Amino acid sequence: MWTLESSDEDHELEQFFAGIPGFFRSRVVKNPRQAFHVADREKMSKSLIGLIQRTWSSNLVDESVKQRRMVIFEAAMGQEPVYLPINLLSLASC
């Protein structure tokens, strides 16, 4: 999870999460679900929730960026909703 931990800008996190669907479709990784350990899932969950919360709570983020990040969120979650144990209550504040 070095990539996730080294990303400290929202646009970097956006790029990371945008790559999740492709990772799960990849034929290079035999079983992508097993590539994520429980600790990694928690880090990813917190990072994704933080990105979405910061995006939607900011008046400085352009509406097109908000919409793009929501599409990325939905696409990442749609690939394998179990890999990211999102606590939906934590998204309620968005």
N, C-alpha and C. Protein backbone atom coordinates (compact mmCIF):
# COMPACT_ATOMS: atom_id res chain seq x y z
N MET A 1 0.81 -1.19 0.00
CA MET A 1 0.00 0.00 0.00
C MET A 1 0.85 1.26 0.00
N TRP A 2 2.09 1.13 -0.45
CA TRP A 2 2.98 2.27 -0.50
C TRP A 2 2.38 3.40 -1.33
N THR A 3 1.78 3.06 -2.44
CA THR A 3 1.21 4.08 -3.33
C THR A 3 0.16 4.90 -2.60
N LEU A 4 -0.71 4.23 -1.88
CA LEU A 4 -1.76 4.92 -1.14
C LEU A 4 -1.17 5.79 -0.03
N GLU A 5 -0.22 5.25 0.70
CA GLU A 5 0.37 5.99 1.81
C GLU A 5 1.19 7.19 1.35
N SER A 6 1.76 7.10 0.17
CA SER A 6 2.59 8.21 -0.32
C SER A 6 1.76 9.29 -1.01
N SER A 7 0.50 9.03 -1.24
CA SER A 7 -0.38 10.01 -1.89
C SER A 7 -0.94 10.96 -0.84
N ASP A 8 -0.54 12.21 -0.92
CA ASP A 8 -1.03 13.17 0.06
C ASP A 8 -1.85 14.28 -0.58
N GLU A 9 -2.06 14.20 -1.85
CA GLU A 9 -2.88 15.17 -2.56
C GLU A 9 -4.14 14.46 -3.05
N ASP A 10 -5.25 15.17 -3.02
CA ASP A 10 -6.51 14.54 -3.44
C ASP A 10 -6.49 14.08 -4.89
N HIS A 11 -5.80 14.82 -5.76
CA HIS A 11 -5.75 14.37 -7.15
C HIS A 11 -4.97 13.07 -7.30
N GLU A 12 -3.98 12.84 -6.42
CA GLU A 12 -3.24 11.58 -6.43
C GLU A 12 -4.13 10.44 -5.94
N LEU A 13 -4.90 10.69 -4.89
CA LEU A 13 -5.83 9.68 -4.40
C LEU A 13 -6.89 9.36 -5.46
N GLU A 14 -7.34 10.39 -6.15
CA GLU A 14 -8.32 10.19 -7.22
C GLU A 14 -7.75 9.25 -8.28
N GLN A 15 -6.51 9.46 -8.67
CA GLN A 15 -5.87 8.59 -9.66
C GLN A 15 -5.74 7.16 -9.15
N PHE A 16 -5.37 7.02 -7.89
CA PHE A 16 -5.23 5.69 -7.30
C PHE A 16 -6.55 4.93 -7.35
N PHE A 17 -7.62 5.57 -6.88
CA PHE A 17 -8.92 4.89 -6.84
C PHE A 17 -9.51 4.69 -8.23
N ALA A 18 -9.15 5.55 -9.17
CA ALA A 18 -9.61 5.37 -10.55
C ALA A 18 -9.02 4.10 -11.15
N GLY A 19 -7.88 3.66 -10.65
CA GLY A 19 -7.23 2.46 -11.16
C GLY A 19 -7.77 1.16 -10.58
N ILE A 20 -8.58 1.22 -9.55
CA ILE A 20 -9.09 0.01 -8.90
C ILE A 20 -9.87 -0.89 -9.86
N PRO A 21 -10.82 -0.38 -10.64
CA PRO A 21 -11.55 -1.28 -11.54
C PRO A 21 -10.64 -2.02 -12.52
N GLY A 22 -9.65 -1.33 -13.06
CA GLY A 22 -8.71 -1.98 -13.97
C GLY A 22 -7.89 -3.04 -13.27
N PHE A 23 -7.52 -2.79 -12.03
CA PHE A 23 -6.78 -3.78 -11.26
C PHE A 23 -7.59 -5.06 -11.10
N PHE A 24 -8.87 -4.92 -10.80
CA PHE A 24 -9.71 -6.10 -10.62
C PHE A 24 -9.99 -6.83 -11.93
N ARG A 25 -9.87 -6.15 -13.05
CA ARG A 25 -10.06 -6.80 -14.35
C ARG A 25 -8.75 -7.35 -14.91
N SER A 26 -7.65 -7.02 -14.29
CA SER A 26 -6.34 -7.39 -14.79
C SER A 26 -6.16 -8.91 -14.85
N ARG A 27 -5.50 -9.34 -15.88
CA ARG A 27 -5.16 -10.76 -16.00
C ARG A 27 -3.76 -11.02 -15.46
N VAL A 28 -3.05 -9.97 -15.11
CA VAL A 28 -1.70 -10.10 -14.58
C VAL A 28 -1.75 -10.62 -13.15
N VAL A 29 -2.69 -10.12 -12.38
CA VAL A 29 -2.86 -10.54 -10.98
C VAL A 29 -3.85 -11.70 -10.97
N LYS A 30 -3.41 -12.86 -10.45
CA LYS A 30 -4.26 -14.05 -10.49
C LYS A 30 -5.54 -13.88 -9.69
N ASN A 31 -5.42 -13.42 -8.47
CA ASN A 31 -6.60 -13.25 -7.63
C ASN A 31 -6.51 -11.88 -6.95
N PRO A 32 -7.03 -10.86 -7.60
CA PRO A 32 -6.87 -9.50 -7.04
C PRO A 32 -7.50 -9.33 -5.66
N ARG A 33 -8.53 -10.08 -5.36
CA ARG A 33 -9.17 -9.95 -4.04
C ARG A 33 -8.21 -10.30 -2.92
N GLN A 34 -7.34 -11.27 -3.17
CA GLN A 34 -6.39 -11.68 -2.14
C GLN A 34 -5.22 -10.71 -2.00
N ALA A 35 -5.08 -9.80 -2.95
CA ALA A 35 -3.98 -8.84 -2.90
C ALA A 35 -4.17 -7.81 -1.79
N PHE A 36 -5.38 -7.66 -1.32
CA PHE A 36 -5.67 -6.67 -0.28
C PHE A 36 -5.81 -7.36 1.07
N HIS A 37 -4.92 -7.01 1.98
CA HIS A 37 -5.00 -7.53 3.34
C HIS A 37 -6.01 -6.69 4.12
N VAL A 38 -6.44 -7.21 5.24
CA VAL A 38 -7.44 -6.51 6.05
C VAL A 38 -6.96 -5.10 6.41
N ALA A 39 -5.71 -4.96 6.81
CA ALA A 39 -5.19 -3.63 7.16
C ALA A 39 -5.22 -2.70 5.96
N ASP A 40 -4.91 -3.23 4.79
CA ASP A 40 -4.95 -2.42 3.57
C ASP A 40 -6.37 -1.96 3.27
N ARG A 41 -7.31 -2.84 3.46
CA ARG A 41 -8.71 -2.49 3.21
C ARG A 41 -9.15 -1.34 4.09
N GLU A 42 -8.72 -1.38 5.34
CA GLU A 42 -9.10 -0.30 6.27
C GLU A 42 -8.48 1.03 5.85
N LYS A 43 -7.21 1.00 5.45
CA LYS A 43 -6.54 2.22 4.99
C LYS A 43 -7.24 2.77 3.74
N MET A 44 -7.57 1.87 2.83
CA MET A 44 -8.23 2.29 1.60
C MET A 44 -9.60 2.88 1.90
N SER A 45 -10.31 2.24 2.80
CA SER A 45 -11.63 2.71 3.18
C SER A 45 -11.55 4.12 3.75
N LYS A 46 -10.63 4.33 4.68
CA LYS A 46 -10.48 5.65 5.30
C LYS A 46 -10.05 6.70 4.28
N SER A 47 -9.16 6.33 3.39
CA SER A 47 -8.70 7.28 2.38
C SER A 47 -9.81 7.66 1.41
N LEU A 48 -10.58 6.66 0.99
CA LEU A 48 -11.67 6.94 0.04
C LEU A 48 -12.76 7.77 0.69
N ILE A 49 -13.11 7.43 1.91
CA ILE A 49 -14.12 8.22 2.63
C ILE A 49 -13.64 9.65 2.82
N GLY A 50 -12.38 9.80 3.21
CA GLY A 50 -11.82 11.14 3.40
C GLY A 50 -11.84 11.94 2.11
N LEU A 51 -11.48 11.30 1.01
CA LEU A 51 -11.49 11.98 -0.28
C LEU A 51 -12.89 12.46 -0.64
N ILE A 52 -13.86 11.59 -0.48
CA ILE A 52 -15.24 11.95 -0.83
C ILE A 52 -15.76 13.05 0.10
N GLN A 53 -15.48 12.93 1.39
CA GLN A 53 -15.94 13.95 2.34
C GLN A 53 -15.31 15.31 2.05
N ARG A 54 -14.00 15.33 1.80
CA ARG A 54 -13.34 16.61 1.50
C ARG A 54 -13.87 17.20 0.20
N THR A 55 -14.09 16.34 -0.77
CA THR A 55 -14.57 16.80 -2.07
C THR A 55 -15.93 17.45 -1.95
N TRP A 56 -16.87 16.77 -1.31
CA TRP A 56 -18.24 17.25 -1.27
C TRP A 56 -18.47 18.36 -0.24
N SER A 57 -17.57 18.48 0.73
CA SER A 57 -17.75 19.54 1.73
C SER A 57 -17.07 20.84 1.33
N SER A 58 -16.28 20.81 0.28
CA SER A 58 -15.53 22.00 -0.13
C SER A 58 -16.29 22.82 -1.16
N ASN A 59 -16.27 24.13 -0.95
CA ASN A 59 -16.83 25.04 -1.94
C ASN A 59 -15.78 25.40 -3.00
N LEU A 60 -14.54 24.98 -2.78
CA LEU A 60 -13.46 25.30 -3.70
C LEU A 60 -13.29 24.24 -4.79
N VAL A 61 -13.90 23.08 -4.61
CA VAL A 61 -13.79 22.01 -5.61
C VAL A 61 -14.87 22.21 -6.66
N ASP A 62 -14.45 22.23 -7.91
CA ASP A 62 -15.37 22.43 -9.02
C ASP A 62 -16.39 21.30 -9.09
N GLU A 63 -17.59 21.63 -9.53
CA GLU A 63 -18.67 20.64 -9.63
C GLU A 63 -18.28 19.48 -10.54
N SER A 64 -17.55 19.74 -11.60
CA SER A 64 -17.15 18.65 -12.50
C SER A 64 -16.20 17.68 -11.81
N VAL A 65 -15.34 18.19 -10.92
CA VAL A 65 -14.44 17.33 -10.15
C VAL A 65 -15.24 16.50 -9.17
N LYS A 66 -16.23 17.11 -8.53
CA LYS A 66 -17.08 16.38 -7.60
C LYS A 66 -17.78 15.22 -8.31
N GLN A 67 -18.33 15.51 -9.47
CA GLN A 67 -19.03 14.46 -10.23
C GLN A 67 -18.06 13.37 -10.67
N ARG A 68 -16.88 13.75 -11.15
CA ARG A 68 -15.89 12.76 -11.59
C ARG A 68 -15.47 11.86 -10.44
N ARG A 69 -15.24 12.44 -9.29
CA ARG A 69 -14.83 11.63 -8.13
C ARG A 69 -15.95 10.71 -7.66
N MET A 70 -17.19 11.14 -7.80
CA MET A 70 -18.30 10.26 -7.43
C MET A 70 -18.37 9.07 -8.40
N VAL A 71 -18.13 9.32 -9.66
CA VAL A 71 -18.10 8.23 -10.65
C VAL A 71 -16.98 7.25 -10.32
N ILE A 72 -15.82 7.77 -9.96
CA ILE A 72 -14.69 6.93 -9.58
C ILE A 72 -15.03 6.10 -8.35
N PHE A 73 -15.64 6.74 -7.36
CA PHE A 73 -16.06 6.03 -6.14
C PHE A 73 -17.00 4.88 -6.48
N GLU A 74 -18.01 5.18 -7.28
CA GLU A 74 -18.99 4.15 -7.64
C GLU A 74 -18.36 3.03 -8.45
N ALA A 75 -17.44 3.37 -9.35
CA ALA A 75 -16.78 2.35 -10.17
C ALA A 75 -15.89 1.46 -9.31
N ALA A 76 -15.17 2.06 -8.38
CA ALA A 76 -14.31 1.28 -7.50
C ALA A 76 -15.14 0.35 -6.63
N MET A 77 -16.21 0.86 -6.07
CA MET A 77 -17.07 0.04 -5.22
C MET A 77 -17.81 -1.01 -6.02
N GLY A 78 -18.14 -0.71 -7.27
CA GLY A 78 -18.88 -1.66 -8.09
C GLY A 78 -18.08 -2.87 -8.50
N GLN A 79 -16.76 -2.75 -8.50
CA GLN A 79 -15.92 -3.88 -8.89
C GLN A 79 -15.97 -4.98 -7.84
N GLU A 80 -15.84 -4.59 -6.62
CA GLU A 80 -15.79 -5.56 -5.53
C GLU A 80 -16.15 -4.85 -4.24
N PRO A 81 -17.45 -4.71 -3.98
CA PRO A 81 -17.85 -3.93 -2.81
C PRO A 81 -17.31 -4.46 -1.49
N VAL A 82 -16.96 -5.73 -1.45
CA VAL A 82 -16.49 -6.32 -0.20
C VAL A 82 -15.06 -5.90 0.12
N TYR A 83 -14.27 -5.56 -0.90
CA TYR A 83 -12.86 -5.27 -0.65
C TYR A 83 -12.67 -3.98 0.13
N LEU A 84 -13.62 -3.09 0.07
CA LEU A 84 -13.55 -1.85 0.82
C LEU A 84 -14.70 -1.81 1.82
N PRO A 85 -14.44 -2.13 3.06
CA PRO A 85 -15.54 -2.15 4.03
C PRO A 85 -15.96 -0.75 4.43
N ILE A 86 -16.64 -0.10 3.53
CA ILE A 86 -17.09 1.27 3.77
C ILE A 86 -18.20 1.27 4.82
N ASN A 87 -18.03 2.09 5.81
CA ASN A 87 -19.07 2.30 6.79
C ASN A 87 -19.98 3.39 6.25
N LEU A 88 -21.15 3.02 5.81
CA LEU A 88 -22.05 3.97 5.17
C LEU A 88 -22.43 5.12 6.08
N LEU A 89 -22.42 4.90 7.38
CA LEU A 89 -22.73 5.99 8.30
C LEU A 89 -21.68 7.10 8.21
N SER A 90 -20.44 6.72 7.93
CA SER A 90 -19.40 7.74 7.83
C SER A 90 -19.54 8.56 6.57
N LEU A 91 -20.26 8.05 5.58
CA LEU A 91 -20.52 8.81 4.36
C LEU A 91 -21.72 9.73 4.50
N ALA A 92 -22.52 9.51 5.52
CA ALA A 92 -23.74 10.30 5.69
C ALA A 92 -23.44 11.78 5.89
N SER A 93 -22.25 12.08 6.36
CA SER A 93 -21.91 13.48 6.60
C SER A 93 -21.45 14.20 5.34
N CYS A 94 -21.36 13.48 4.22
CA CYS A 94 -20.93 14.11 2.95
C CYS A 94 -22.00 15.03 2.43
